[in-house]
Amino acid sequence: MTLSPDTTVESFRMLTQMYQKMTPQEKLQRIFSAYETGKALAMAGLRRLHPDTPDDQIWHMWARQHLGEQLHRQVYGDSLHE
């Protein structure tokens, strides 16, 4: 890890020690949580841009951004691209 300009050496040391004490499961849970937070923020942004769009279509908009157009088509088919 690299020390961020807004982080003190002591807080960096404490954070490093916390991560060293975590189990692999705890670390993985933090990764999943961060991913879900990012997803929720991205979907909120899409919802703000498209307030009248149904939730399932918002989800597919996010999935298209996340997976890319080609993979989204392979996984979910062409019928969702109309």
PDB file of N, CA and C in Angstrom:
ATOM      1  N   MET A   1       0.831  -1.185   0.000  1.00  0.00           N
ATOM      2  CA  MET A   1       0.000   0.000   0.000  1.00  0.00           C
ATOM      3  C   MET A   1       0.869   1.239   0.000  1.00  0.00           C
ATOM      4  N   THR A   2       0.367   2.277  -0.621  1.00  0.00           N
ATOM      5  CA  THR A   2       1.072   3.544  -0.650  1.00  0.00           C
ATOM      6  C   THR A   2       0.358   4.522   0.255  1.00  0.00           C
ATOM      7  N   LEU A   3       1.115   5.315   0.962  1.00  0.00           N
ATOM      8  CA  LEU A   3       0.550   6.291   1.878  1.00  0.00           C
ATOM      9  C   LEU A   3      -0.075   7.439   1.095  1.00  0.00           C
ATOM     10  N   SER A   4      -1.350   7.689   1.335  1.00  0.00           N
ATOM     11  CA  SER A   4      -2.068   8.792   0.704  1.00  0.00           C
ATOM     12  C   SER A   4      -1.642  10.107   1.347  1.00  0.00           C
ATOM     13  N   PRO A   5      -1.641  11.209   0.591  1.00  0.00           N
ATOM     14  CA  PRO A   5      -1.212  12.496   1.165  1.00  0.00           C
ATOM     15  C   PRO A   5      -2.065  12.961   2.347  1.00  0.00           C
ATOM     16  N   ASP A   6      -3.305  12.501   2.420  1.00  0.00           N
ATOM     17  CA  ASP A   6      -4.173  12.938   3.523  1.00  0.00           C
ATOM     18  C   ASP A   6      -4.207  11.941   4.683  1.00  0.00           C
ATOM     19  N   THR A   7      -3.259  11.002   4.711  1.00  0.00           N
ATOM     20  CA  THR A   7      -3.219   9.971   5.750  1.00  0.00           C
ATOM     21  C   THR A   7      -1.927  10.104   6.552  1.00  0.00           C
ATOM     22  N   THR A   8      -2.071  10.114   7.854  1.00  0.00           N
ATOM     23  CA  THR A   8      -0.877  10.187   8.686  1.00  0.00           C
ATOM     24  C   THR A   8      -0.199   8.814   8.723  1.00  0.00           C
ATOM     25  N   VAL A   9       1.061   8.806   9.049  1.00  0.00           N
ATOM     26  CA  VAL A   9       1.807   7.562   9.150  1.00  0.00           C
ATOM     27  C   VAL A   9       1.188   6.667  10.220  1.00  0.00           C
ATOM     28  N   GLU A  10       0.777   7.263  11.332  1.00  0.00           N
ATOM     29  CA  GLU A  10       0.194   6.474  12.419  1.00  0.00           C
ATOM     30  C   GLU A  10      -1.135   5.840  12.003  1.00  0.00           C
ATOM     31  N   SER A  11      -1.988   6.590  11.328  1.00  0.00           N
ATOM     32  CA  SER A  11      -3.274   6.001  10.910  1.00  0.00           C
ATOM     33  C   SER A  11      -3.046   4.916   9.858  1.00  0.00           C
ATOM     34  N   PHE A  12      -2.069   5.104   8.993  1.00  0.00           N
ATOM     35  CA  PHE A  12      -1.729   4.073   8.001  1.00  0.00           C
ATOM     36  C   PHE A  12      -1.244   2.812   8.700  1.00  0.00           C
ATOM     37  N   ARG A  13      -0.422   2.974   9.708  1.00  0.00           N
ATOM     38  CA  ARG A  13       0.091   1.837  10.473  1.00  0.00           C
ATOM     39  C   ARG A  13      -1.057   1.093  11.158  1.00  0.00           C
ATOM     40  N   MET A  14      -1.991   1.837  11.744  1.00  0.00           N
ATOM     41  CA  MET A  14      -3.129   1.218  12.412  1.00  0.00           C
ATOM     42  C   MET A  14      -4.001   0.451  11.418  1.00  0.00           C
ATOM     43  N   LEU A  15      -4.248   1.048  10.259  1.00  0.00           N
ATOM     44  CA  LEU A  15      -5.050   0.388   9.233  1.00  0.00           C
ATOM     45  C   LEU A  15      -4.370  -0.893   8.762  1.00  0.00           C
ATOM     46  N   THR A  16      -3.077  -0.820   8.544  1.00  0.00           N
ATOM     47  CA  THR A  16      -2.318  -2.001   8.122  1.00  0.00           C
ATOM     48  C   THR A  16      -2.419  -3.108   9.169  1.00  0.00           C
ATOM     49  N   GLN A  17      -2.300  -2.761  10.428  1.00  0.00           N
ATOM     50  CA  GLN A  17      -2.410  -3.755  11.497  1.00  0.00           C
ATOM     51  C   GLN A  17      -3.810  -4.372  11.541  1.00  0.00           C
ATOM     52  N   MET A  18      -4.840  -3.542  11.320  1.00  0.00           N
ATOM     53  CA  MET A  18      -6.210  -4.065  11.299  1.00  0.00           C
ATOM     54  C   MET A  18      -6.367  -5.102  10.187  1.00  0.00           C
ATOM     55  N   TYR A  19      -5.870  -4.787   9.004  1.00  0.00           N
ATOM     56  CA  TYR A  19      -5.987  -5.726   7.887  1.00  0.00           C
ATOM     57  C   TYR A  19      -5.180  -7.002   8.131  1.00  0.00           C
ATOM     58  N   GLN A  20      -4.041  -6.877   8.781  1.00  0.00           N
ATOM     59  CA  GLN A  20      -3.241  -8.061   9.074  1.00  0.00           C
ATOM     60  C   GLN A  20      -3.941  -8.990  10.057  1.00  0.00           C
ATOM     61  N   LYS A  21      -4.760  -8.437  10.927  1.00  0.00           N
ATOM     62  CA  LYS A  21      -5.476  -9.242  11.923  1.00  0.00           C
ATOM     63  C   LYS A  21      -6.759  -9.862  11.368  1.00  0.00           C
ATOM     64  N   MET A  22      -7.236  -9.370  10.242  1.00  0.00           N
ATOM     65  CA  MET A  22      -8.484  -9.889   9.670  1.00  0.00           C
ATOM     66  C   MET A  22      -8.294 -11.275   9.086  1.00  0.00           C
ATOM     67  N   THR A  23      -9.342 -12.060   9.175  1.00  0.00           N
ATOM     68  CA  THR A  23      -9.330 -13.357   8.497  1.00  0.00           C
ATOM     69  C   THR A  23      -9.565 -13.125   7.007  1.00  0.00           C
ATOM     70  N   PRO A  24      -9.227 -14.100   6.175  1.00  0.00           N
ATOM     71  CA  PRO A  24      -9.527 -13.953   4.749  1.00  0.00           C
ATOM     72  C   PRO A  24     -11.025 -13.703   4.503  1.00  0.00           C
ATOM     73  N   GLN A  25     -11.880 -14.339   5.286  1.00  0.00           N
ATOM     74  CA  GLN A  25     -13.320 -14.142   5.134  1.00  0.00           C
ATOM     75  C   GLN A  25     -13.714 -12.695   5.421  1.00  0.00           C
ATOM     76  N   GLU A  26     -13.119 -12.108   6.453  1.00  0.00           N
ATOM     77  CA  GLU A  26     -13.417 -10.712   6.784  1.00  0.00           C
ATOM     78  C   GLU A  26     -12.953  -9.772   5.675  1.00  0.00           C
ATOM     79  N   LYS A  27     -11.792 -10.045   5.119  1.00  0.00           N
ATOM     80  CA  LYS A  27     -11.288  -9.217   4.017  1.00  0.00           C
ATOM     81  C   LYS A  27     -12.192  -9.336   2.794  1.00  0.00           C
ATOM     82  N   LEU A  28     -12.602 -10.558   2.491  1.00  0.00           N
ATOM     83  CA  LEU A  28     -13.485 -10.778   1.358  1.00  0.00           C
ATOM     84  C   LEU A  28     -14.827 -10.085   1.569  1.00  0.00           C
ATOM     85  N   GLN A  29     -15.331 -10.119   2.797  1.00  0.00           N
ATOM     86  CA  GLN A  29     -16.587  -9.435   3.099  1.00  0.00           C
ATOM     87  C   GLN A  29     -16.461  -7.930   2.869  1.00  0.00           C
ATOM     88  N   ARG A  30     -15.333  -7.364   3.227  1.00  0.00           N
ATOM     89  CA  ARG A  30     -15.113  -5.932   2.981  1.00  0.00           C
ATOM     90  C   ARG A  30     -15.096  -5.632   1.481  1.00  0.00           C
ATOM     91  N   ILE A  31     -14.502  -6.517   0.698  1.00  0.00           N
ATOM     92  CA  ILE A  31     -14.478  -6.338  -0.753  1.00  0.00           C
ATOM     93  C   ILE A  31     -15.900  -6.387  -1.305  1.00  0.00           C
ATOM     94  N   PHE A  32     -16.677  -7.388  -0.883  1.00  0.00           N
ATOM     95  CA  PHE A  32     -18.063  -7.500  -1.343  1.00  0.00           C
ATOM     96  C   PHE A  32     -18.876  -6.265  -0.954  1.00  0.00           C
ATOM     97  N   SER A  33     -18.675  -5.789   0.256  1.00  0.00           N
ATOM     98  CA  SER A  33     -19.398  -4.617   0.731  1.00  0.00           C
ATOM     99  C   SER A  33     -19.048  -3.378  -0.099  1.00  0.00           C
ATOM    100  N   ALA A  34     -17.779  -3.207  -0.385  1.00  0.00           N
ATOM    101  CA  ALA A  34     -17.351  -2.066  -1.205  1.00  0.00           C
ATOM    102  C   ALA A  34     -17.931  -2.168  -2.617  1.00  0.00           C
ATOM    103  N   TYR A  35     -17.960  -3.373  -3.166  1.00  0.00           N
ATOM    104  CA  TYR A  35     -18.538  -3.599  -4.489  1.00  0.00           C
ATOM    105  C   TYR A  35     -20.020  -3.228  -4.496  1.00  0.00           C
ATOM    106  N   GLU A  36     -20.761  -3.695  -3.489  1.00  0.00           N
ATOM    107  CA  GLU A  36     -22.194  -3.399  -3.415  1.00  0.00           C
ATOM    108  C   GLU A  36     -22.451  -1.903  -3.242  1.00  0.00           C
ATOM    109  N   THR A  37     -21.600  -1.231  -2.487  1.00  0.00           N
ATOM    110  CA  THR A  37     -21.728   0.213  -2.322  1.00  0.00           C
ATOM    111  C   THR A  37     -21.510   0.923  -3.663  1.00  0.00           C
ATOM    112  N   GLY A  38     -20.480   0.515  -4.379  1.00  0.00           N
ATOM    113  CA  GLY A  38     -20.221   1.099  -5.701  1.00  0.00           C
ATOM    114  C   GLY A  38     -21.369   0.853  -6.663  1.00  0.00           C
ATOM    115  N   LYS A  39     -21.908  -0.353  -6.631  1.00  0.00           N
ATOM    116  CA  LYS A  39     -23.049  -0.693  -7.487  1.00  0.00           C
ATOM    117  C   LYS A  39     -24.248   0.183  -7.143  1.00  0.00           C
ATOM    118  N   ALA A  40     -24.536   0.333  -5.860  1.00  0.00           N
ATOM    119  CA  ALA A  40     -25.671   1.154  -5.429  1.00  0.00           C
ATOM    120  C   ALA A  40     -25.501   2.610  -5.863  1.00  0.00           C
ATOM    121  N   LEU A  41     -24.287   3.133  -5.759  1.00  0.00           N
ATOM    122  CA  LEU A  41     -24.032   4.504  -6.196  1.00  0.00           C
ATOM    123  C   LEU A  41     -24.208   4.650  -7.704  1.00  0.00           C
ATOM    124  N   ALA A  42     -23.710   3.679  -8.455  1.00  0.00           N
ATOM    125  CA  ALA A  42     -23.855   3.722  -9.917  1.00  0.00           C
ATOM    126  C   ALA A  42     -25.324   3.648 -10.316  1.00  0.00           C
ATOM    127  N   MET A  43     -26.070   2.773  -9.665  1.00  0.00           N
ATOM    128  CA  MET A  43     -27.490   2.642  -9.992  1.00  0.00           C
ATOM    129  C   MET A  43     -28.273   3.887  -9.575  1.00  0.00           C
ATOM    130  N   ALA A  44     -27.884   4.515  -8.479  1.00  0.00           N
ATOM    131  CA  ALA A  44     -28.531   5.765  -8.071  1.00  0.00           C
ATOM    132  C   ALA A  44     -28.284   6.855  -9.109  1.00  0.00           C
ATOM    133  N   GLY A  45     -27.078   6.875  -9.668  1.00  0.00           N
ATOM    134  CA  GLY A  45     -26.781   7.832 -10.727  1.00  0.00           C
ATOM    135  C   GLY A  45     -27.628   7.592 -11.967  1.00  0.00           C
ATOM    136  N   LEU A  46     -27.791   6.330 -12.329  1.00  0.00           N
ATOM    137  CA  LEU A  46     -28.645   5.991 -13.467  1.00  0.00           C
ATOM    138  C   LEU A  46     -30.098   6.361 -13.178  1.00  0.00           C
ATOM    139  N   ARG A  47     -30.551   6.090 -11.967  1.00  0.00           N
ATOM    140  CA  ARG A  47     -31.921   6.431 -11.582  1.00  0.00           C
ATOM    141  C   ARG A  47     -32.147   7.933 -11.682  1.00  0.00           C
ATOM    142  N   ARG A  48     -31.147   8.711 -11.287  1.00  0.00           N
ATOM    143  CA  ARG A  48     -31.252  10.177 -11.347  1.00  0.00           C
ATOM    144  C   ARG A  48     -31.355  10.654 -12.793  1.00  0.00           C
ATOM    145  N   LEU A  49     -30.611  10.015 -13.677  1.00  0.00           N
ATOM    146  CA  LEU A  49     -30.657  10.385 -15.099  1.00  0.00           C
ATOM    147  C   LEU A  49     -31.920   9.891 -15.789  1.00  0.00           C
ATOM    148  N   HIS A  50     -32.495   8.810 -15.285  1.00  0.00           N
ATOM    149  CA  HIS A  50     -33.661   8.173 -15.911  1.00  0.00           C
ATOM    150  C   HIS A  50     -34.736   7.911 -14.850  1.00  0.00           C
ATOM    151  N   PRO A  51     -35.345   8.959 -14.300  1.00  0.00           N
ATOM    152  CA  PRO A  51     -36.254   8.783 -13.160  1.00  0.00           C
ATOM    153  C   PRO A  51     -37.514   7.961 -13.451  1.00  0.00           C
ATOM    154  N   ASP A  52     -37.926   7.888 -14.690  1.00  0.00           N
ATOM    155  CA  ASP A  52     -39.166   7.170 -15.019  1.00  0.00           C
ATOM    156  C   ASP A  52     -38.929   5.757 -15.534  1.00  0.00           C
ATOM    157  N   THR A  53     -37.695   5.322 -15.535  1.00  0.00           N
ATOM    158  CA  THR A  53     -37.353   3.999 -16.057  1.00  0.00           C
ATOM    159  C   THR A  53     -37.589   2.941 -14.983  1.00  0.00           C
ATOM    160  N   PRO A  54     -38.220   1.818 -15.353  1.00  0.00           N
ATOM    161  CA  PRO A  54     -38.456   0.738 -14.376  1.00  0.00           C
ATOM    162  C   PRO A  54     -37.142   0.186 -13.797  1.00  0.00           C
ATOM    163  N   ASP A  55     -37.231  -0.319 -12.574  1.00  0.00           N
ATOM    164  CA  ASP A  55     -36.041  -0.821 -11.866  1.00  0.00           C
ATOM    165  C   ASP A  55     -35.291  -1.894 -12.645  1.00  0.00           C
ATOM    166  N   ASP A  56     -36.021  -2.811 -13.303  1.00  0.00           N
ATOM    167  CA  ASP A  56     -35.326  -3.873 -14.034  1.00  0.00           C
ATOM    168  C   ASP A  56     -34.512  -3.307 -15.194  1.00  0.00           C
ATOM    169  N   GLN A  57     -35.004  -2.252 -15.824  1.00  0.00           N
ATOM    170  CA  GLN A  57     -34.241  -1.635 -16.911  1.00  0.00           C
ATOM    171  C   GLN A  57     -33.042  -0.863 -16.376  1.00  0.00           C
ATOM    172  N   ILE A  58     -33.200  -0.231 -15.219  1.00  0.00           N
ATOM    173  CA  ILE A  58     -32.061   0.447 -14.580  1.00  0.00           C
ATOM    174  C   ILE A  58     -30.969  -0.584 -14.292  1.00  0.00           C
ATOM    175  N   TRP A  59     -31.377  -1.751 -13.787  1.00  0.00           N
ATOM    176  CA  TRP A  59     -30.404  -2.793 -13.492  1.00  0.00           C
ATOM    177  C   TRP A  59     -29.668  -3.205 -14.771  1.00  0.00           C
ATOM    178  N   HIS A  60     -30.402  -3.361 -15.879  1.00  0.00           N
ATOM    179  CA  HIS A  60     -29.745  -3.748 -17.133  1.00  0.00           C
ATOM    180  C   HIS A  60     -28.845  -2.635 -17.667  1.00  0.00           C
ATOM    181  N   MET A  61     -29.204  -1.385 -17.438  1.00  0.00           N
ATOM    182  CA  MET A  61     -28.306  -0.279 -17.817  1.00  0.00           C
ATOM    183  C   MET A  61     -26.988  -0.401 -17.051  1.00  0.00           C
ATOM    184  N   TRP A  62     -27.111  -0.669 -15.745  1.00  0.00           N
ATOM    185  CA  TRP A  62     -25.905  -0.842 -14.932  1.00  0.00           C
ATOM    186  C   TRP A  62     -25.109  -2.049 -15.420  1.00  0.00           C
ATOM    187  N   ALA A  63     -25.797  -3.157 -15.674  1.00  0.00           N
ATOM    188  CA  ALA A  63     -25.112  -4.381 -16.112  1.00  0.00           C
ATOM    189  C   ALA A  63     -24.387  -4.145 -17.435  1.00  0.00           C
ATOM    190  N   ARG A  64     -25.013  -3.387 -18.343  1.00  0.00           N
ATOM    191  CA  ARG A  64     -24.368  -3.073 -19.620  1.00  0.00           C
ATOM    192  C   ARG A  64     -23.085  -2.284 -19.396  1.00  0.00           C
ATOM    193  N   GLN A  65     -23.147  -1.308 -18.490  1.00  0.00           N
ATOM    194  CA  GLN A  65     -21.948  -0.529 -18.174  1.00  0.00           C
ATOM    195  C   GLN A  65     -20.887  -1.406 -17.517  1.00  0.00           C
ATOM    196  N   HIS A  66     -21.329  -2.279 -16.653  1.00  0.00           N
ATOM    197  CA  HIS A  66     -20.423  -3.114 -15.870  1.00  0.00           C
ATOM    198  C   HIS A  66     -19.788  -4.220 -16.721  1.00  0.00           C
ATOM    199  N   LEU A  67     -20.590  -4.874 -17.545  1.00  0.00           N
ATOM    200  CA  LEU A  67     -20.125  -6.009 -18.337  1.00  0.00           C
ATOM    201  C   LEU A  67     -19.596  -5.618 -19.708  1.00  0.00           C
ATOM    202  N   GLY A  68     -20.072  -4.483 -20.205  1.00  0.00           N
ATOM    203  CA  GLY A  68     -19.803  -4.126 -21.585  1.00  0.00           C
ATOM    204  C   GLY A  68     -20.952  -4.622 -22.453  1.00  0.00           C
ATOM    205  N   GLU A  69     -21.159  -3.937 -23.557  1.00  0.00           N
ATOM    206  CA  GLU A  69     -22.293  -4.248 -24.430  1.00  0.00           C
ATOM    207  C   GLU A  69     -22.257  -5.685 -24.949  1.00  0.00           C
ATOM    208  N   GLN A  70     -21.105  -6.113 -25.423  1.00  0.00           N
ATOM    209  CA  GLN A  70     -21.006  -7.445 -26.030  1.00  0.00           C
ATOM    210  C   GLN A  70     -21.304  -8.561 -25.032  1.00  0.00           C
ATOM    211  N   LEU A  71     -20.697  -8.523 -23.861  1.00  0.00           N
ATOM    212  CA  LEU A  71     -20.943  -9.567 -22.867  1.00  0.00           C
ATOM    213  C   LEU A  71     -22.382  -9.514 -22.361  1.00  0.00           C
ATOM    214  N   HIS A  72     -22.915  -8.319 -22.198  1.00  0.00           N
ATOM    215  CA  HIS A  72     -24.312  -8.191 -21.771  1.00  0.00           C
ATOM    216  C   HIS A  72     -25.230  -8.862 -22.790  1.00  0.00           C
ATOM    217  N   ARG A  73     -24.975  -8.651 -24.074  1.00  0.00           N
ATOM    218  CA  ARG A  73     -25.786  -9.295 -25.120  1.00  0.00           C
ATOM    219  C   ARG A  73     -25.648 -10.820 -25.060  1.00  0.00           C
ATOM    220  N   GLN A  74     -24.431 -11.303 -24.837  1.00  0.00           N
ATOM    221  CA  GLN A  74     -24.216 -12.750 -24.766  1.00  0.00           C
ATOM    222  C   GLN A  74     -24.956 -13.364 -23.587  1.00  0.00           C
ATOM    223  N   VAL A  75     -24.960 -12.672 -22.462  1.00  0.00           N
ATOM    224  CA  VAL A  75     -25.576 -13.212 -21.260  1.00  0.00           C
ATOM    225  C   VAL A  75     -27.094 -13.040 -21.258  1.00  0.00           C
ATOM    226  N   TYR A  76     -27.566 -11.874 -21.666  1.00  0.00           N
ATOM    227  CA  TYR A  76     -28.995 -11.553 -21.524  1.00  0.00           C
ATOM    228  C   TYR A  76     -29.760 -11.489 -22.846  1.00  0.00           C
ATOM    229  N   GLY A  77     -29.057 -11.607 -23.982  1.00  0.00           N
ATOM    230  CA  GLY A  77     -29.746 -11.623 -25.270  1.00  0.00           C
ATOM    231  C   GLY A  77     -29.992 -10.251 -25.846  1.00  0.00           C
ATOM    232  N   ASP A  78     -30.448 -10.245 -27.085  1.00  0.00           N
ATOM    233  CA  ASP A  78     -30.673  -8.997 -27.831  1.00  0.00           C
ATOM    234  C   ASP A  78     -31.996  -8.327 -27.500  1.00  0.00           C
ATOM    235  N   SER A  79     -32.954  -9.048 -26.946  1.00  0.00           N
ATOM    236  CA  SER A  79     -34.287  -8.485 -26.732  1.00  0.00           C
ATOM    237  C   SER A  79     -34.271  -7.319 -25.755  1.00  0.00           C
ATOM    238  N   LEU A  80     -33.237  -7.210 -24.932  1.00  0.00           N
ATOM    239  CA  LEU A  80     -33.165  -6.133 -23.951  1.00  0.00           C
ATOM    240  C   LEU A  80     -32.535  -4.873 -24.523  1.00  0.00           C
ATOM    241  N   HIS A  81     -32.168  -4.879 -25.782  1.00  0.00           N
ATOM    242  CA  HIS A  81     -31.439  -3.754 -26.383  1.00  0.00           C
ATOM    243  C   HIS A  81     -32.306  -2.932 -27.299  1.00  0.00           C
ATOM    244  N   GLU A  82     -33.604  -3.052 -27.188  1.00  0.00           N
ATOM    245  CA  GLU A  82     -34.492  -2.305 -28.064  1.00  0.00           C
ATOM    246  C   GLU A  82     -34.777  -0.941 -27.523  1.00  0.00           C
TER     247      GLU A  82
END
